Amino acid sequence: MTRSELRAVWESRISDCRTSGQSVAAWCATHQINPRQYYYWLRKLSNTEMPSPRWLEVCADQQPSNETDSCLQVKIGSAVIEVKPGFNRDLLADVVLALQTIC
């Protein structure tokens, strides 16, 4: 397999993992891939140009409109982020960035 073919394979694998909703460990176990090898390629490819992240559709469940209890729940895989009125925008941006780099 040529280097460019191997790079394409790993770009596809990393994209598949990110869109699977599974943790890296669970995805690697399912696909019989060593997590160290996954992280090696993730680092290697993050130093090169990767496709831009895509926005996902957010579906909000209807909840009572009690202002003191209102919040937005963002679910990414098994992670759940609750965003309440008056939230810290910088903290939310840091958390989203961290989740993007994990999987």
Foldseek 3Di string as FASTA:
>chain_A
DDPVVVLVVLLVLVVCVQPVLAFLVVSCVVVVHDSVVNVVSLVVPVVDDHDDDDDDDDDFDDDDVPLVPDWGWDDRRNDIDTGHPPDDPVVVVVVVVVSNSRD
